[in-house]
C-alpha atoms as a PDB file:
ATOM      1  CA  UNK A   1      73.037  40.753 187.107  1.00  0.00           C
ATOM      2  CA  UNK A   2      70.979  38.813 183.455  1.00  0.00           C
ATOM      3  CA  UNK A   3      73.324  39.494 180.294  1.00  0.00           C
ATOM      4  CA  UNK A   4      71.463  42.520 179.072  1.00  0.00           C
ATOM      5  CA  UNK A   5      69.465  42.600 175.558  1.00  0.00           C
ATOM      6  CA  UNK A   6      71.151  44.087 172.246  1.00  0.00           C
ATOM      7  CA  UNK A   7      68.540  47.227 170.802  1.00  0.00           C
ATOM      8  CA  UNK A   8      66.454  45.823 167.893  1.00  0.00           C
ATOM      9  CA  UNK A   9      68.073  47.179 164.031  1.00  0.00           C
ATOM     10  CA  UNK A  10      66.287  50.092 163.462  1.00  0.00           C
ATOM     11  CA  UNK A  11      67.485  50.497 159.891  1.00  0.00           C
ATOM     12  CA  UNK A  12      64.680  49.086 157.564  1.00  0.00           C
ATOM     13  CA  UNK A  13      61.166  50.825 156.440  1.00  0.00           C
ATOM     14  CA  UNK A  14      58.339  47.743 155.860  1.00  0.00           C
ATOM     15  CA  UNK A  15      57.846  44.826 158.333  1.00  0.00           C
ATOM     16  CA  UNK A  16      55.021  41.593 157.979  1.00  0.00           C
ATOM     17  CA  UNK A  17      53.913  40.422 161.087  1.00  0.00           C
ATOM     18  CA  UNK A  18      52.626  36.814 160.867  1.00  0.00           C
ATOM     19  CA  UNK A  19      50.199  35.474 163.430  1.00  0.00           C
ATOM     20  CA  UNK A  20      47.297  33.058 164.184  1.00  0.00           C
ATOM     21  CA  UNK A  21      44.738  34.204 165.518  1.00  0.00           C
ATOM     22  CA  UNK A  22      43.052  38.135 166.529  1.00  0.00           C
ATOM     23  CA  UNK A  23      44.808  39.280 169.524  1.00  0.00           C
ATOM     24  CA  UNK A  24      48.419  37.482 169.338  1.00  0.00           C
ATOM     25  CA  UNK A  25      50.336  40.444 167.868  1.00  0.00           C
ATOM     26  CA  UNK A  26      48.543  42.742 171.169  1.00  0.00           C
ATOM     27  CA  UNK A  27      49.562  40.766 174.177  1.00  0.00           C
ATOM     28  CA  UNK A  28      52.918  42.406 174.078  1.00  0.00           C
ATOM     29  CA  UNK A  29      53.992  43.297 170.328  1.00  0.00           C
ATOM     30  CA  UNK A  30      52.016  45.777 169.852  1.00  0.00           C
ATOM     31  CA  UNK A  31      53.925  48.522 171.811  1.00  0.00           C
ATOM     32  CA  UNK A  32      56.863  47.780 170.238  1.00  0.00           C
ATOM     33  CA  UNK A  33      54.576  47.800 166.629  1.00  0.00           C
ATOM     34  CA  UNK A  34      54.098  51.649 167.824  1.00  0.00           C
ATOM     35  CA  UNK A  35      57.620  52.640 168.220  1.00  0.00           C
ATOM     36  CA  UNK A  36      58.077  51.920 164.717  1.00  0.00           C
ATOM     37  CA  UNK A  37      54.965  52.645 163.034  1.00  0.00           C
ATOM     38  CA  UNK A  38      55.742  56.336 164.859  1.00  0.00           C
ATOM     39  CA  UNK A  39      59.725  56.377 163.301  1.00  0.00           C
ATOM     40  CA  UNK A  40      57.949  56.529 160.025  1.00  0.00           C
ATOM     41  CA  UNK A  41      57.972  51.824 159.176  1.00  0.00           C
ATOM     42  CA  UNK A  42      54.955  50.567 157.998  1.00  0.00           C
ATOM     43  CA  UNK A  43      54.148  47.314 159.550  1.00  0.00           C
ATOM     44  CA  UNK A  44      51.499  45.608 158.680  1.00  0.00           C
ATOM     45  CA  UNK A  45      49.334  42.384 159.911  1.00  0.00           C
ATOM     46  CA  UNK A  46      48.656  38.994 158.611  1.00  0.00           C
ATOM     47  CA  UNK A  47      46.329  36.680 160.754  1.00  0.00           C
ATOM     48  CA  UNK A  48      46.466  33.191 159.510  1.00  0.00           C
ATOM     49  CA  UNK A  49      42.495  33.252 161.178  1.00  0.00           C
ATOM     50  CA  UNK A  50      39.805  35.332 162.343  1.00  0.00           C
ATOM     51  CA  UNK A  51      39.886  33.750 165.785  1.00  0.00           C
ATOM     52  CA  UNK A  52      36.069  32.734 165.089  1.00  0.00           C
ATOM     53  CA  UNK A  53      36.545  29.811 167.906  1.00  0.00           C
ATOM     54  CA  UNK A  54      38.084  31.861 170.582  1.00  0.00           C
ATOM     55  CA  UNK A  55      35.036  33.016 172.665  1.00  0.00           C
ATOM     56  CA  UNK A  56      33.552  29.660 174.462  1.00  0.00           C
ATOM     57  CA  UNK A  57      30.726  31.242 174.895  1.00  0.00           C
ATOM     58  CA  UNK A  58      30.088  32.643 171.149  1.00  0.00           C
ATOM     59  CA  UNK A  59      29.293  30.324 168.226  1.00  0.00           C
ATOM     60  CA  UNK A  60      32.156  30.690 165.834  1.00  0.00           C
ATOM     61  CA  UNK A  61      29.887  32.838 162.825  1.00  0.00           C
ATOM     62  CA  UNK A  62      29.856  35.509 165.290  1.00  0.00           C
ATOM     63  CA  UNK A  63      32.532  35.449 166.892  1.00  0.00           C
ATOM     64  CA  UNK A  64      34.608  35.649 163.877  1.00  0.00           C
ATOM     65  CA  UNK A  65      33.447  39.149 162.433  1.00  0.00           C
ATOM     66  CA  UNK A  66      33.525  40.061 166.512  1.00  0.00           C
ATOM     67  CA  UNK A  67      37.181  39.339 166.140  1.00  0.00           C
ATOM     68  CA  UNK A  68      38.223  40.829 163.235  1.00  0.00           C
ATOM     69  CA  UNK A  69      36.736  44.689 164.121  1.00  0.00           C
ATOM     70  CA  UNK A  70      38.723  44.029 167.863  1.00  0.00           C
ATOM     71  CA  UNK A  71      41.887  43.466 165.977  1.00  0.00           C
ATOM     72  CA  UNK A  72      41.631  46.457 163.411  1.00  0.00           C
ATOM     73  CA  UNK A  73      40.904  48.693 165.832  1.00  0.00           C
ATOM     74  CA  UNK A  74      43.727  47.571 167.902  1.00  0.00           C
ATOM     75  CA  UNK A  75      45.837  48.000 165.225  1.00  0.00           C
ATOM     76  CA  UNK A  76      44.968  51.052 164.288  1.00  0.00           C
ATOM     77  CA  UNK A  77      45.253  52.473 167.512  1.00  0.00           C
ATOM     78  CA  UNK A  78      49.315  51.443 167.352  1.00  0.00           C
ATOM     79  CA  UNK A  79      49.370  52.899 163.794  1.00  0.00           C
ATOM     80  CA  UNK A  80      49.157  50.066 161.332  1.00  0.00           C
ATOM     81  CA  UNK A  81      47.000  50.550 158.299  1.00  0.00           C
ATOM     82  CA  UNK A  82      47.212  47.507 156.772  1.00  0.00           C
ATOM     83  CA  UNK A  83      45.284  44.335 158.064  1.00  0.00           C
ATOM     84  CA  UNK A  84      44.833  40.797 156.442  1.00  0.00           C
ATOM     85  CA  UNK A  85      43.095  37.921 157.004  1.00  0.00           C
ATOM     86  CA  UNK A  86      43.472  34.149 155.467  1.00  0.00           C
ATOM     87  CA  UNK A  87      40.627  32.075 156.155  1.00  0.00           C
ATOM     88  CA  UNK A  88      42.720  29.686 157.407  1.00  0.00           C
ATOM     89  CA  UNK A  89      39.565  27.577 160.253  1.00  0.00           C
ATOM     90  CA  UNK A  90      40.974  28.509 163.611  1.00  0.00           C
ATOM     91  CA  UNK A  91      42.065  26.123 166.261  1.00  0.00           C
ATOM     92  CA  UNK A  92      43.110  23.409 163.855  1.00  0.00           C
ATOM     93  CA  UNK A  93      45.317  25.124 161.587  1.00  0.00           C
ATOM     94  CA  UNK A  94      47.705  22.244 160.016  1.00  0.00           C
ATOM     95  CA  UNK A  95      51.971  23.104 159.156  1.00  0.00           C
ATOM     96  CA  UNK A  96      52.393  22.292 155.067  1.00  0.00           C
ATOM     97  CA  UNK A  97      52.461  23.790 151.511  1.00  0.00           C
ATOM     98  CA  UNK A  98      49.477  24.574 151.861  1.00  0.00           C
ATOM     99  CA  UNK A  99      50.023  27.050 154.715  1.00  0.00           C
ATOM    100  CA  UNK A 100      53.426  27.980 153.111  1.00  0.00           C
ATOM    101  CA  UNK A 101      52.309  29.055 149.948  1.00  0.00           C
ATOM    102  CA  UNK A 102      50.458  31.445 151.993  1.00  0.00           C
ATOM    103  CA  UNK A 103      52.426  33.133 153.848  1.00  0.00           C
ATOM    104  CA  UNK A 104      55.315  32.625 150.930  1.00  0.00           C
ATOM    105  CA  UNK A 105      52.691  34.295 148.395  1.00  0.00           C
ATOM    106  CA  UNK A 106      52.266  37.066 151.512  1.00  0.00           C
ATOM    107  CA  UNK A 107      55.372  38.103 151.607  1.00  0.00           C
ATOM    108  CA  UNK A 108      56.691  38.300 148.187  1.00  0.00           C
ATOM    109  CA  UNK A 109      53.362  40.690 148.170  1.00  0.00           C
ATOM    110  CA  UNK A 110      54.852  42.729 151.309  1.00  0.00           C
ATOM    111  CA  UNK A 111      58.362  42.671 150.266  1.00  0.00           C
ATOM    112  CA  UNK A 112      59.487  43.124 154.382  1.00  0.00           C
ATOM    113  CA  UNK A 113      63.168  43.533 155.355  1.00  0.00           C
ATOM    114  CA  UNK A 114      61.930  42.206 158.769  1.00  0.00           C
ATOM    115  CA  UNK A 115      59.153  39.833 158.927  1.00  0.00           C
ATOM    116  CA  UNK A 116      57.786  39.028 163.281  1.00  0.00           C
ATOM    117  CA  UNK A 117      55.921  36.119 164.255  1.00  0.00           C
ATOM    118  CA  UNK A 118      55.139  34.435 167.607  1.00  0.00           C
ATOM    119  CA  UNK A 119      56.777  31.640 169.982  1.00  0.00           C
ATOM    120  CA  UNK A 120      56.166  28.682 168.431  1.00  0.00           C
ATOM    121  CA  UNK A 121      57.713  26.429 170.758  1.00  0.00           C
ATOM    122  CA  UNK A 122      56.310  23.658 172.595  1.00  0.00           C
ATOM    123  CA  UNK A 123      55.477  25.767 176.119  1.00  0.00           C
ATOM    124  CA  UNK A 124      54.828  29.044 177.402  1.00  0.00           C
ATOM    125  CA  UNK A 125      57.789  29.459 180.248  1.00  0.00           C
ATOM    126  CA  UNK A 126      58.829  25.670 180.492  1.00  0.00           C
ATOM    127  CA  UNK A 127      54.590  25.825 182.042  1.00  0.00           C
ATOM    128  CA  UNK A 128      52.224  26.387 179.917  1.00  0.00           C
ATOM    129  CA  UNK A 129      51.679  24.250 177.007  1.00  0.00           C
ATOM    130  CA  UNK A 130      51.886  25.660 173.435  1.00  0.00           C
ATOM    131  CA  UNK A 131      48.660  25.987 171.221  1.00  0.00           C
ATOM    132  CA  UNK A 132      49.581  23.798 168.044  1.00  0.00           C
ATOM    133  CA  UNK A 133      48.605  26.545 165.736  1.00  0.00           C
ATOM    134  CA  UNK A 134      50.274  28.764 167.413  1.00  0.00           C
ATOM    135  CA  UNK A 135      53.617  26.133 166.610  1.00  0.00           C
ATOM    136  CA  UNK A 136      52.204  25.686 162.635  1.00  0.00           C
ATOM    137  CA  UNK A 137      52.580  29.519 162.131  1.00  0.00           C
ATOM    138  CA  UNK A 138      55.215  30.470 163.714  1.00  0.00           C
ATOM    139  CA  UNK A 139      57.164  27.890 162.188  1.00  0.00           C
ATOM    140  CA  UNK A 140      55.614  28.095 158.975  1.00  0.00           C
ATOM    141  CA  UNK A 141      57.117  31.839 159.096  1.00  0.00           C
ATOM    142  CA  UNK A 142      59.960  31.213 159.167  1.00  0.00           C
ATOM    143  CA  UNK A 143      59.959  27.812 157.003  1.00  0.00           C
ATOM    144  CA  UNK A 144      58.197  30.625 153.953  1.00  0.00           C
ATOM    145  CA  UNK A 145      60.513  33.440 154.067  1.00  0.00           C
ATOM    146  CA  UNK A 146      62.508  31.216 152.616  1.00  0.00           C
ATOM    147  CA  UNK A 147      60.305  29.987 150.041  1.00  0.00           C
ATOM    148  CA  UNK A 148      59.733  33.830 149.062  1.00  0.00           C
ATOM    149  CA  UNK A 149      63.145  33.244 147.883  1.00  0.00           C
ATOM    150  CA  UNK A 150      63.089  30.851 145.789  1.00  0.00           C
ATOM    151  CA  UNK A 151      61.265  31.342 142.284  1.00  0.00           C
ATOM    152  CA  UNK A 152      61.156  27.281 142.038  1.00  0.00           C
ATOM    153  CA  UNK A 153      59.161  26.746 145.102  1.00  0.00           C
ATOM    154  CA  UNK A 154      55.389  28.404 144.540  1.00  0.00           C
ATOM    155  CA  UNK A 155      55.776  29.554 141.178  1.00  0.00           C
ATOM    156  CA  UNK A 156      52.169  30.641 140.721  1.00  0.00           C
ATOM    157  CA  UNK A 157      52.272  32.980 143.310  1.00  0.00           C
ATOM    158  CA  UNK A 158      50.940  36.374 141.808  1.00  0.00           C
ATOM    159  CA  UNK A 159      54.240  38.741 142.606  1.00  0.00           C
ATOM    160  CA  UNK A 160      57.282  37.189 142.338  1.00  0.00           C
ATOM    161  CA  UNK A 161      60.530  36.168 145.066  1.00  0.00           C
ATOM    162  CA  UNK A 162      61.726  38.426 147.267  1.00  0.00           C
ATOM    163  CA  UNK A 163      64.850  37.768 149.065  1.00  0.00           C
ATOM    164  CA  UNK A 164      64.937  41.211 150.907  1.00  0.00           C
ATOM    165  CA  UNK A 165      64.015  39.620 154.065  1.00  0.00           C
ATOM    166  CA  UNK A 166      67.315  40.710 156.169  1.00  0.00           C
ATOM    167  CA  UNK A 167      66.002  39.290 160.253  1.00  0.00           C
ATOM    168  CA  UNK A 168      62.747  36.951 161.614  1.00  0.00           C
ATOM    169  CA  UNK A 169      62.094  38.407 165.151  1.00  0.00           C
ATOM    170  CA  UNK A 170      59.833  36.047 167.609  1.00  0.00           C
ATOM    171  CA  UNK A 171      58.436  37.432 170.113  1.00  0.00           C
ATOM    172  CA  UNK A 172      57.502  35.426 173.497  1.00  0.00           C
ATOM    173  CA  UNK A 173      60.290  33.324 173.378  1.00  0.00           C
ATOM    174  CA  UNK A 174      61.728  32.512 176.863  1.00  0.00           C
ATOM    175  CA  UNK A 175      65.606  33.385 175.063  1.00  0.00           C
ATOM    176  CA  UNK A 176      65.228  36.782 173.636  1.00  0.00           C
ATOM    177  CA  UNK A 177      68.315  37.949 172.418  1.00  0.00           C
ATOM    178  CA  UNK A 178      66.980  41.813 171.750  1.00  0.00           C
ATOM    179  CA  UNK A 179      64.611  44.875 172.366  1.00  0.00           C
ATOM    180  CA  UNK A 180      62.593  47.815 172.095  1.00  0.00           C
ATOM    181  CA  UNK A 181      62.195  50.306 174.345  1.00  0.00           C
ATOM    182  CA  UNK A 182      58.591  51.423 174.934  1.00  0.00           C
ATOM    183  CA  UNK A 183      58.909  53.719 176.952  1.00  0.00           C
ATOM    184  CA  UNK A 184      56.613  56.300 174.630  1.00  0.00           C
ATOM    185  CA  UNK A 185      54.502  53.815 173.201  1.00  0.00           C
ATOM    186  CA  UNK A 186      53.669  51.426 176.469  1.00  0.00           C
ATOM    187  CA  UNK A 187      50.047  53.190 177.176  1.00  0.00           C
ATOM    188  CA  UNK A 188      49.215  52.206 173.136  1.00  0.00           C
ATOM    189  CA  UNK A 189      49.321  48.544 173.671  1.00  0.00           C
ATOM    190  CA  UNK A 190      47.617  48.983 176.367  1.00  0.00           C
ATOM    191  CA  UNK A 191      44.657  50.419 174.711  1.00  0.00           C
ATOM    192  CA  UNK A 192      45.786  48.061 171.805  1.00  0.00           C
ATOM    193  CA  UNK A 193      44.703  44.630 173.988  1.00  0.00           C
ATOM    194  CA  UNK A 194      42.078  46.575 175.293  1.00  0.00           C
ATOM    195  CA  UNK A 195      39.849  46.981 171.989  1.00  0.00           C
ATOM    196  CA  UNK A 196      39.593  43.335 172.536  1.00  0.00           C
ATOM    197  CA  UNK A 197      37.032  43.592 174.765  1.00  0.00           C
ATOM    198  CA  UNK A 198      34.652  40.848 174.044  1.00  0.00           C
ATOM    199  CA  UNK A 199      37.624  38.438 174.527  1.00  0.00           C
ATOM    200  CA  UNK A 200      39.366  39.473 176.944  1.00  0.00           C
ATOM    201  CA  UNK A 201      35.472  39.353 179.103  1.00  0.00           C
ATOM    202  CA  UNK A 202      34.873  35.953 177.684  1.00  0.00           C
ATOM    203  CA  UNK A 203      38.278  35.215 179.316  1.00  0.00           C
ATOM    204  CA  UNK A 204      38.228  36.492 183.052  1.00  0.00           C
ATOM    205  CA  UNK A 205      36.017  38.079 185.595  1.00  0.00           C
ATOM    206  CA  UNK A 206      38.662  40.460 185.624  1.00  0.00           C
ATOM    207  CA  UNK A 207      38.476  44.410 184.758  1.00  0.00           C
ATOM    208  CA  UNK A 208      39.581  44.651 180.965  1.00  0.00           C
ATOM    209  CA  UNK A 209      41.434  47.374 182.080  1.00  0.00           C
ATOM    210  CA  UNK A 210      42.869  46.143 184.695  1.00  0.00           C
ATOM    211  CA  UNK A 211      43.587  42.858 183.135  1.00  0.00           C
ATOM    212  CA  UNK A 212      44.918  44.734 179.757  1.00  0.00           C
ATOM    213  CA  UNK A 213      47.575  47.290 181.716  1.00  0.00           C
ATOM    214  CA  UNK A 214      48.871  44.535 184.341  1.00  0.00           C
ATOM    215  CA  UNK A 215      49.070  42.480 182.200  1.00  0.00           C
ATOM    216  CA  UNK A 216      51.094  44.345 178.715  1.00  0.00           C
ATOM    217  CA  UNK A 217      53.166  46.669 181.558  1.00  0.00           C
ATOM    218  CA  UNK A 218      54.063  44.184 183.767  1.00  0.00           C
ATOM    219  CA  UNK A 219      55.972  42.203 180.936  1.00  0.00           C
ATOM    220  CA  UNK A 220      57.172  45.423 179.856  1.00  0.00           C
ATOM    221  CA  UNK A 221      58.960  46.361 183.390  1.00  0.00           C
ATOM    222  CA  UNK A 222      60.084  42.442 183.608  1.00  0.00           C
ATOM    223  CA  UNK A 223      61.910  42.711 180.342  1.00  0.00           C
ATOM    224  CA  UNK A 224      63.597  45.873 181.212  1.00  0.00           C
ATOM    225  CA  UNK A 225      65.659  44.143 183.950  1.00  0.00           C
ATOM    226  CA  UNK A 226      67.775  43.306 180.770  1.00  0.00           C
ATOM    227  CA  UNK A 227      67.429  46.572 178.705  1.00  0.00           C
ATOM    228  CA  UNK A 228      68.653  49.050 180.574  1.00  0.00           C
ATOM    229  CA  UNK A 229      66.135  49.009 182.558  1.00  0.00           C
ATOM    230  CA  UNK A 230      63.784  50.600 180.318  1.00  0.00           C
ATOM    231  CA  UNK A 231      60.518  49.191 179.679  1.00  0.00           C
ATOM    232  CA  UNK A 232      61.005  46.157 176.443  1.00  0.00           C
ATOM    233  CA  UNK A 233      59.428  44.200 174.759  1.00  0.00           C
ATOM    234  CA  UNK A 234      61.801  42.100 173.339  1.00  0.00           C
ATOM    235  CA  UNK A 235      62.605  38.870 170.255  1.00  0.00           C
ATOM    236  CA  UNK A 236      64.787  36.834 169.506  1.00  0.00           C
ATOM    237  CA  UNK A 237      66.449  37.665 166.844  1.00  0.00           C
ATOM    238  CA  UNK A 238      67.307  35.847 163.277  1.00  0.00           C
ATOM    239  CA  UNK A 239      69.287  36.846 160.718  1.00  0.00           C
ATOM    240  CA  UNK A 240      69.189  35.819 156.993  1.00  0.00           C
END
């Protein structure tokens, strides 16, 4: 039997999820978010771009607003009320101090105990090459948590230093350490991804609901094999 995963911590009130694009959180993580918001915890989303370069058949000036609407709808399904967009350019996000500053400022503003981001390894499962945006945003998020707590780094942000981040959780990794039981929230995870209908329809000829259900339910069932047989969303947890 594979090593069993530990439950994610639950002794927190505020989380901030930081990713590159609309749909990044809906591809699996949203079911865990629904579990947390059901329990009265506050989860906010920070999107570094509006995903304007994500639909080949739709020009960026039209795709950006469309994907923003889809993201707001998907977030609402799982109880997220605050969604912010930073307006970095989709597809060409640059890791560096400008990005770190924007993320540190957001962490100081939201003052989360848990920060969530997406896999920033070179690959997905050692098979598919990860995008530059995911790699840049994930790594910058990890660094920005430390930046946010140092009063001498980016001292001109509106909110002051925040040293209250207790954990960093990375979703979609090959070597997770913790998981969330999503038995009661799995359906909303499916519906959250399905709000990205225009994106899905441009991505595949498969029926969008079938696509979303097979992907989200399949991942949760597979992950559940290491979590007592319960459908699960997994993370690699970094205590701070």
